[in-house]
Amino acid sequence: MAEWSVERGALRTPRAAGLAGVVFALLLAAAIVLVRLGIPQGADAMTAQGFTDSTRRNAVRTALALVPFAGIFFLWFIGAVRAHVGAVEDKFLATVFLGSGLVFTATLFGAAAAAGAVLAVTHPSGTAPGPVSWDFGRHLAYVLLTEYAMRMAAVFVCSLSVMGRRLGVLPRPLTVLGFLTALTLLVAASNVPWAELVFPAWSLVLSGYILAVSGRARPPDGV
C-alpha cells in the first residue's frame, strides 16, 4: 500500500491532509457559490441598484466570512502534505507546489477584499453604490478570482498531480483528473462562469482518496 511519508520503506498518507482538504473544498465551494449568487457576472450581471437587495448582500457577507477559514485549511493541507512527503520530495516540484499554493491563497484573499469593497460602498440606508465604484469593485473581484487565483490553482493541481504520480501515491485516473482540472482552470475559468468550482471539486475527490487510503493503511497499535 502506497503512503506519503518514509517509514519502514513505505510512504504514509497524511490523514490530516485529507481532513483539511475536505473542509477547504466545502468552504471554498460555498464561498464561490455565494459570491456568484450575490454579485453575478457576465450575462447575468446586475446593476448597482440590484445590489440593494438584502439577500444578495447577506450572501456576500457570508462568503467573506468563509474565505479566511478556507485559506487556513488550505494552508494546513499544504503543510500536512509537505511534512509527510519529507525527504523523498522533488525539490523543484515541491517549490512550485508550495509557491503556487501560497500565491493562490493571497490572491483569493485579495478577491475577497475586493468583494468586501463592493459591499462597503453600499450605504447602510440601502441606497445603491455609484456605477463607477460598483463596476470597479465587481470586476476587480472577478478578475482576481478567475484570472489569477484560478490559474495559480491550476499550477498547484498540476504540480501535486505530477509529484503524486512520481512518488506512486496517486493512481493514474486521479492524475489524469488533476491534469484535466488544471487545463480547465487555465483555459475556461476566466471565460466560463462557475468553472472555478472544478478546483474545490478536485480537492474534495483528492481528499476523499487520501482519507480512504490512510484508513486502509493505518497500522495496528504497537506495530
C-alpha atoms as a PDB file:
ATOM      1  CA  MET A   1       0.000   0.000   0.000  1.00  0.00           C
ATOM      2  CA  ALA A   2       1.493   3.328  -1.086  1.00  0.00           C
ATOM      3  CA  GLU A   3       1.782   6.005   1.593  1.00  0.00           C
ATOM      4  CA  TRP A   4       3.182   9.533   1.739  1.00  0.00           C
ATOM      5  CA  SER A   5       5.988   9.649   4.327  1.00  0.00           C
ATOM      6  CA  VAL A   6       9.106   7.483   4.502  1.00  0.00           C
ATOM      7  CA  GLU A   7       8.634   4.910   7.229  1.00  0.00           C
ATOM      8  CA  ARG A   8       9.853   1.285   7.077  1.00  0.00           C
ATOM      9  CA  GLY A   9      10.399   1.577   3.335  1.00  0.00           C
ATOM     10  CA  ALA A  10       6.887   2.825   2.569  1.00  0.00           C
ATOM     11  CA  LEU A  11       5.183   6.173   2.158  1.00  0.00           C
ATOM     12  CA  ARG A  12       2.487   7.135   4.669  1.00  0.00           C
ATOM     13  CA  THR A  13      -0.641   9.027   3.608  1.00  0.00           C
ATOM     14  CA  PRO A  14      -1.344  12.011   5.893  1.00  0.00           C
ATOM     15  CA  ARG A  15      -4.869  11.728   7.258  1.00  0.00           C
ATOM     16  CA  ALA A  16      -4.651  15.360   8.397  1.00  0.00           C
ATOM     17  CA  ALA A  17      -4.189  16.430   4.773  1.00  0.00           C
ATOM     18  CA  GLY A  18      -7.347  14.591   3.781  1.00  0.00           C
ATOM     19  CA  LEU A  19      -9.419  16.178   6.542  1.00  0.00           C
ATOM     20  CA  ALA A  20      -8.078  19.652   5.815  1.00  0.00           C
ATOM     21  CA  GLY A  21      -8.697  19.190   2.099  1.00  0.00           C
ATOM     22  CA  VAL A  22     -12.326  18.194   2.627  1.00  0.00           C
ATOM     23  CA  VAL A  23     -13.039  21.208   4.832  1.00  0.00           C
ATOM     24  CA  PHE A  24     -11.232  23.539   2.427  1.00  0.00           C
ATOM     25  CA  ALA A  25     -13.147  22.198  -0.588  1.00  0.00           C
ATOM     26  CA  LEU A  26     -16.532  22.636   1.090  1.00  0.00           C
ATOM     27  CA  LEU A  27     -15.758  26.134   2.380  1.00  0.00           C
ATOM     28  CA  LEU A  28     -14.332  27.346  -0.942  1.00  0.00           C
ATOM     29  CA  ALA A  29     -17.222  25.916  -2.942  1.00  0.00           C
ATOM     30  CA  ALA A  30     -19.741  27.574  -0.610  1.00  0.00           C
ATOM     31  CA  ALA A  31     -17.919  30.919  -0.833  1.00  0.00           C
ATOM     32  CA  ILE A  32     -17.764  30.799  -4.652  1.00  0.00           C
ATOM     33  CA  VAL A  33     -21.457  29.929  -4.952  1.00  0.00           C
ATOM     34  CA  LEU A  34     -22.475  32.710  -2.563  1.00  0.00           C
ATOM     35  CA  VAL A  35     -20.356  35.309  -4.383  1.00  0.00           C
ATOM     36  CA  ARG A  36     -21.702  34.180  -7.754  1.00  0.00           C
ATOM     37  CA  LEU A  37     -25.257  34.493  -6.484  1.00  0.00           C
ATOM     38  CA  GLY A  38     -24.659  37.756  -4.639  1.00  0.00           C
ATOM     39  CA  ILE A  39     -22.651  39.519  -7.368  1.00  0.00           C
ATOM     40  CA  PRO A  40     -23.491  37.908 -10.741  1.00  0.00           C
ATOM     41  CA  GLN A  41     -21.134  38.244 -13.690  1.00  0.00           C
ATOM     42  CA  GLY A  42     -21.473  38.163 -17.455  1.00  0.00           C
ATOM     43  CA  ALA A  43     -24.932  37.876 -18.982  1.00  0.00           C
ATOM     44  CA  ASP A  44     -26.496  37.707 -15.505  1.00  0.00           C
ATOM     45  CA  ALA A  45     -24.681  40.803 -14.209  1.00  0.00           C
ATOM     46  CA  MET A  46     -26.949  43.195 -12.337  1.00  0.00           C
ATOM     47  CA  THR A  47     -26.832  46.944 -11.992  1.00  0.00           C
ATOM     48  CA  ALA A  48     -25.684  48.683  -8.839  1.00  0.00           C
ATOM     49  CA  GLN A  49     -29.341  49.236  -7.932  1.00  0.00           C
ATOM     50  CA  GLY A  50     -29.933  45.485  -7.839  1.00  0.00           C
ATOM     51  CA  PHE A  51     -27.343  45.043  -5.110  1.00  0.00           C
ATOM     52  CA  THR A  52     -29.513  46.922  -2.629  1.00  0.00           C
ATOM     53  CA  ASP A  53     -31.360  43.628  -2.088  1.00  0.00           C
ATOM     54  CA  SER A  54     -30.517  42.447   1.439  1.00  0.00           C
ATOM     55  CA  THR A  55     -30.452  38.780   0.354  1.00  0.00           C
ATOM     56  CA  ARG A  56     -27.613  39.431  -2.071  1.00  0.00           C
ATOM     57  CA  ARG A  57     -25.650  41.489   0.437  1.00  0.00           C
ATOM     58  CA  ASN A  58     -26.054  38.784   3.086  1.00  0.00           C
ATOM     59  CA  ALA A  59     -24.818  36.159   0.613  1.00  0.00           C
ATOM     60  CA  VAL A  60     -21.640  38.189   0.019  1.00  0.00           C
ATOM     61  CA  ARG A  61     -21.167  38.768   3.761  1.00  0.00           C
ATOM     62  CA  THR A  62     -21.414  35.029   4.400  1.00  0.00           C
ATOM     63  CA  ALA A  63     -18.923  34.271   1.613  1.00  0.00           C
ATOM     64  CA  LEU A  64     -16.451  36.794   3.032  1.00  0.00           C
ATOM     65  CA  ALA A  65     -16.757  35.159   6.452  1.00  0.00           C
ATOM     66  CA  LEU A  66     -15.939  31.741   4.947  1.00  0.00           C
ATOM     67  CA  VAL A  67     -12.906  32.734   2.862  1.00  0.00           C
ATOM     68  CA  PRO A  68     -10.402  33.199   5.736  1.00  0.00           C
ATOM     69  CA  PHE A  69     -11.233  29.762   7.112  1.00  0.00           C
ATOM     70  CA  ALA A  70     -10.931  28.224   3.640  1.00  0.00           C
ATOM     71  CA  GLY A  71      -7.460  29.770   3.395  1.00  0.00           C
ATOM     72  CA  ILE A  72      -6.467  28.424   6.810  1.00  0.00           C
ATOM     73  CA  PHE A  73      -7.479  24.871   5.970  1.00  0.00           C
ATOM     74  CA  PHE A  74      -5.794  25.134   2.569  1.00  0.00           C
ATOM     75  CA  LEU A  75      -2.518  26.092   4.240  1.00  0.00           C
ATOM     76  CA  TRP A  76      -2.988  23.203   6.658  1.00  0.00           C
ATOM     77  CA  PHE A  77      -3.483  20.911   3.671  1.00  0.00           C
ATOM     78  CA  ILE A  78      -0.243  22.159   2.071  1.00  0.00           C
ATOM     79  CA  GLY A  79       1.709  21.812   5.302  1.00  0.00           C
ATOM     80  CA  ALA A  80       0.429  18.318   6.035  1.00  0.00           C
ATOM     81  CA  VAL A  81       1.302  17.077   2.548  1.00  0.00           C
ATOM     82  CA  ARG A  82       4.806  18.582   2.589  1.00  0.00           C
ATOM     83  CA  ALA A  83       5.559  17.323   6.099  1.00  0.00           C
ATOM     84  CA  HIS A  84       4.647  13.775   5.162  1.00  0.00           C
ATOM     85  CA  VAL A  85       6.342  13.753   1.763  1.00  0.00           C
ATOM     86  CA  GLY A  86       9.538  14.650   3.589  1.00  0.00           C
ATOM     87  CA  ALA A  87      12.898  13.532   2.221  1.00  0.00           C
ATOM     88  CA  VAL A  88      11.541  11.939  -0.961  1.00  0.00           C
ATOM     89  CA  GLU A  89      10.030  15.139  -2.355  1.00  0.00           C
ATOM     90  CA  ASP A  90      11.291  16.571  -5.615  1.00  0.00           C
ATOM     91  CA  LYS A  91      12.725  19.993  -4.718  1.00  0.00           C
ATOM     92  CA  PHE A  92      11.624  21.643  -7.966  1.00  0.00           C
ATOM     93  CA  LEU A  93       8.067  20.318  -7.835  1.00  0.00           C
ATOM     94  CA  ALA A  94       7.836  20.967  -4.104  1.00  0.00           C
ATOM     95  CA  THR A  95       8.837  24.597  -4.650  1.00  0.00           C
ATOM     96  CA  VAL A  96       6.252  25.056  -7.417  1.00  0.00           C
ATOM     97  CA  PHE A  97       3.643  23.278  -5.281  1.00  0.00           C
ATOM     98  CA  LEU A  98       4.299  25.479  -2.234  1.00  0.00           C
ATOM     99  CA  GLY A  99       4.688  28.726  -4.172  1.00  0.00           C
ATOM    100  CA  SER A 100       1.520  28.305  -6.223  1.00  0.00           C
ATOM    101  CA  GLY A 101      -0.442  27.376  -3.103  1.00  0.00           C
ATOM    102  CA  LEU A 102       0.726  30.484  -1.238  1.00  0.00           C
ATOM    103  CA  VAL A 103       0.054  32.793  -4.201  1.00  0.00           C
ATOM    104  CA  PHE A 104      -3.390  31.228  -4.650  1.00  0.00           C
ATOM    105  CA  THR A 105      -4.227  31.903  -1.003  1.00  0.00           C
ATOM    106  CA  ALA A 106      -3.028  35.514  -1.206  1.00  0.00           C
ATOM    107  CA  THR A 107      -4.964  36.139  -4.428  1.00  0.00           C
ATOM    108  CA  LEU A 108      -8.100  34.520  -3.017  1.00  0.00           C
ATOM    109  CA  PHE A 109      -7.902  36.882  -0.053  1.00  0.00           C
ATOM    110  CA  GLY A 110      -7.465  39.786  -2.478  1.00  0.00           C
ATOM    111  CA  ALA A 111     -10.593  38.771  -4.376  1.00  0.00           C
ATOM    112  CA  ALA A 112     -12.480  38.576  -1.080  1.00  0.00           C
ATOM    113  CA  ALA A 113     -11.244  42.054  -0.140  1.00  0.00           C
ATOM    114  CA  ALA A 114     -12.458  43.388  -3.497  1.00  0.00           C
ATOM    115  CA  ALA A 115     -15.866  41.802  -2.965  1.00  0.00           C
ATOM    116  CA  GLY A 116     -15.884  43.330   0.509  1.00  0.00           C
ATOM    117  CA  ALA A 117     -15.224  46.724  -1.058  1.00  0.00           C
ATOM    118  CA  VAL A 118     -18.296  46.263  -3.249  1.00  0.00           C
ATOM    119  CA  LEU A 119     -20.273  45.555  -0.103  1.00  0.00           C
ATOM    120  CA  ALA A 120     -18.781  48.529   1.738  1.00  0.00           C
ATOM    121  CA  VAL A 121     -19.809  51.085  -0.871  1.00  0.00           C
ATOM    122  CA  THR A 122     -23.445  50.076  -0.431  1.00  0.00           C
ATOM    123  CA  HIS A 123     -24.632  52.518   2.171  1.00  0.00           C
ATOM    124  CA  PRO A 124     -26.399  51.301   5.332  1.00  0.00           C
ATOM    125  CA  SER A 125     -29.552  53.081   4.200  1.00  0.00           C
ATOM    126  CA  GLY A 126     -29.794  50.629   1.306  1.00  0.00           C
ATOM    127  CA  THR A 127     -29.019  53.126  -1.435  1.00  0.00           C
ATOM    128  CA  ALA A 128     -27.095  51.830  -4.417  1.00  0.00           C
ATOM    129  CA  PRO A 129     -23.358  52.437  -4.831  1.00  0.00           C
ATOM    130  CA  GLY A 130     -22.214  54.691  -7.635  1.00  0.00           C
ATOM    131  CA  PRO A 131     -21.880  52.944 -11.012  1.00  0.00           C
ATOM    132  CA  VAL A 132     -18.133  53.606 -11.202  1.00  0.00           C
ATOM    133  CA  SER A 133     -17.479  52.141  -7.739  1.00  0.00           C
ATOM    134  CA  TRP A 134     -19.795  49.229  -8.456  1.00  0.00           C
ATOM    135  CA  ASP A 135     -18.205  48.291 -11.785  1.00  0.00           C
ATOM    136  CA  PHE A 136     -14.647  48.673 -10.478  1.00  0.00           C
ATOM    137  CA  GLY A 137     -15.198  46.572  -7.357  1.00  0.00           C
ATOM    138  CA  ARG A 138     -17.151  43.846  -9.143  1.00  0.00           C
ATOM    139  CA  HIS A 139     -14.678  43.499 -11.994  1.00  0.00           C
ATOM    140  CA  LEU A 140     -11.678  43.552  -9.638  1.00  0.00           C
ATOM    141  CA  ALA A 141     -13.165  40.765  -7.505  1.00  0.00           C
ATOM    142  CA  TYR A 142     -13.823  38.539 -10.506  1.00  0.00           C
ATOM    143  CA  VAL A 143     -10.503  39.264 -12.224  1.00  0.00           C
ATOM    144  CA  LEU A 144      -8.589  38.305  -9.082  1.00  0.00           C
ATOM    145  CA  LEU A 145     -10.693  35.164  -8.644  1.00  0.00           C
ATOM    146  CA  THR A 146     -10.960  33.853 -12.196  1.00  0.00           C
ATOM    147  CA  GLU A 147      -7.864  35.252 -13.901  1.00  0.00           C
ATOM    148  CA  TYR A 148      -5.225  34.957 -11.184  1.00  0.00           C
ATOM    149  CA  ALA A 149      -6.349  32.767  -8.278  1.00  0.00           C
ATOM    150  CA  MET A 150      -7.645  30.005 -10.539  1.00  0.00           C
ATOM    151  CA  ARG A 151      -4.512  29.976 -12.690  1.00  0.00           C
ATOM    152  CA  MET A 152      -2.390  29.588  -9.571  1.00  0.00           C
ATOM    153  CA  ALA A 153      -4.772  26.819  -8.547  1.00  0.00           C
ATOM    154  CA  ALA A 154      -4.078  25.173 -11.917  1.00  0.00           C
ATOM    155  CA  VAL A 155      -0.326  25.220 -11.248  1.00  0.00           C
ATOM    156  CA  PHE A 156      -0.961  23.812  -7.766  1.00  0.00           C
ATOM    157  CA  VAL A 157      -3.113  20.971  -9.098  1.00  0.00           C
ATOM    158  CA  CYS A 158      -0.654  20.115 -11.862  1.00  0.00           C
ATOM    159  CA  SER A 159       2.419  20.101  -9.607  1.00  0.00           C
ATOM    160  CA  LEU A 160       0.711  17.976  -6.947  1.00  0.00           C
ATOM    161  CA  SER A 161      -0.542  15.524  -9.580  1.00  0.00           C
ATOM    162  CA  VAL A 162       2.940  15.124 -11.065  1.00  0.00           C
ATOM    163  CA  MET A 163       4.527  14.793  -7.636  1.00  0.00           C
ATOM    164  CA  GLY A 164       1.953  12.262  -6.501  1.00  0.00           C
ATOM    165  CA  ARG A 165       2.396  10.222  -9.661  1.00  0.00           C
ATOM    166  CA  ARG A 166       6.206  10.188  -9.413  1.00  0.00           C
ATOM    167  CA  LEU A 167       6.037   9.038  -5.803  1.00  0.00           C
ATOM    168  CA  GLY A 168       3.491   6.400  -6.700  1.00  0.00           C
ATOM    169  CA  VAL A 169       0.859   7.629  -4.241  1.00  0.00           C
ATOM    170  CA  LEU A 170      -1.770   8.742  -6.771  1.00  0.00           C
ATOM    171  CA  PRO A 171      -3.471   6.329  -9.171  1.00  0.00           C
ATOM    172  CA  ARG A 172      -3.450   7.106 -12.871  1.00  0.00           C
ATOM    173  CA  PRO A 173      -7.164   8.115 -13.032  1.00  0.00           C
ATOM    174  CA  LEU A 174      -6.649  10.689 -10.281  1.00  0.00           C
ATOM    175  CA  THR A 175      -3.555  12.022 -12.055  1.00  0.00           C
ATOM    176  CA  VAL A 176      -5.483  12.376 -15.314  1.00  0.00           C
ATOM    177  CA  LEU A 177      -8.296  14.103 -13.423  1.00  0.00           C
ATOM    178  CA  GLY A 178      -5.740  16.524 -11.996  1.00  0.00           C
ATOM    179  CA  PHE A 179      -4.388  17.414 -15.439  1.00  0.00           C
ATOM    180  CA  LEU A 180      -7.914  17.928 -16.799  1.00  0.00           C
ATOM    181  CA  THR A 181      -8.738  20.121 -13.804  1.00  0.00           C
ATOM    182  CA  ALA A 182      -5.598  22.198 -14.351  1.00  0.00           C
ATOM    183  CA  LEU A 183      -6.413  22.604 -18.051  1.00  0.00           C
ATOM    184  CA  THR A 184      -9.962  23.710 -17.233  1.00  0.00           C
ATOM    185  CA  LEU A 185      -8.739  26.267 -14.716  1.00  0.00           C
ATOM    186  CA  LEU A 186      -6.143  27.622 -17.139  1.00  0.00           C
ATOM    187  CA  VAL A 187      -8.414  27.907 -20.169  1.00  0.00           C
ATOM    188  CA  ALA A 188     -12.034  28.130 -19.065  1.00  0.00           C
ATOM    189  CA  ALA A 189     -12.117  29.696 -15.601  1.00  0.00           C
ATOM    190  CA  SER A 190     -11.853  33.261 -16.898  1.00  0.00           C
ATOM    191  CA  ASN A 191     -14.463  32.764 -19.639  1.00  0.00           C
ATOM    192  CA  VAL A 192     -16.976  30.221 -18.360  1.00  0.00           C
ATOM    193  CA  PRO A 193     -18.998  31.222 -15.284  1.00  0.00           C
ATOM    194  CA  TRP A 194     -18.882  28.690 -12.425  1.00  0.00           C
ATOM    195  CA  ALA A 195     -15.889  26.870 -13.993  1.00  0.00           C
ATOM    196  CA  GLU A 196     -13.830  27.720 -10.900  1.00  0.00           C
ATOM    197  CA  LEU A 197     -15.886  25.166  -8.962  1.00  0.00           C
ATOM    198  CA  VAL A 198     -13.801  22.397 -10.549  1.00  0.00           C
ATOM    199  CA  PHE A 199     -10.972  23.268  -8.132  1.00  0.00           C
ATOM    200  CA  PRO A 200     -12.891  22.552  -4.901  1.00  0.00           C
ATOM    201  CA  ALA A 201     -14.437  19.537  -6.645  1.00  0.00           C
ATOM    202  CA  TRP A 202     -10.964  18.147  -7.428  1.00  0.00           C
ATOM    203  CA  SER A 203      -9.813  18.938  -3.892  1.00  0.00           C
ATOM    204  CA  LEU A 204     -12.770  17.004  -2.498  1.00  0.00           C
ATOM    205  CA  VAL A 205     -12.057  13.964  -4.682  1.00  0.00           C
ATOM    206  CA  LEU A 206      -8.349  14.002  -3.822  1.00  0.00           C
ATOM    207  CA  SER A 207      -9.022  14.426  -0.109  1.00  0.00           C
ATOM    208  CA  GLY A 208     -11.553  11.611  -0.148  1.00  0.00           C
ATOM    209  CA  TYR A 209      -8.947   9.358  -1.750  1.00  0.00           C
ATOM    210  CA  ILE A 210      -6.332  10.353   0.850  1.00  0.00           C
ATOM    211  CA  LEU A 211      -8.749   9.593   3.680  1.00  0.00           C
ATOM    212  CA  ALA A 212      -9.703   6.243   2.167  1.00  0.00           C
ATOM    213  CA  VAL A 213      -6.079   5.177   1.672  1.00  0.00           C
ATOM    214  CA  SER A 214      -4.970   6.387   5.099  1.00  0.00           C
ATOM    215  CA  GLY A 215      -7.804   4.457   6.707  1.00  0.00           C
ATOM    216  CA  ARG A 216      -6.814   1.225   4.971  1.00  0.00           C
ATOM    217  CA  ALA A 217      -3.095   1.751   5.527  1.00  0.00           C
ATOM    218  CA  ARG A 218      -3.185   2.649   9.245  1.00  0.00           C
ATOM    219  CA  PRO A 219      -1.014   0.113  11.089  1.00  0.00           C
ATOM    220  CA  PRO A 220      -2.308  -1.634  14.207  1.00  0.00           C
ATOM    221  CA  ASP A 221      -1.319  -0.244  17.618  1.00  0.00           C
ATOM    222  CA  GLY A 222       2.133  -1.241  18.789  1.00  0.00           C
ATOM    223  CA  VAL A 223       3.438  -2.002  15.304  1.00  0.00           C
END
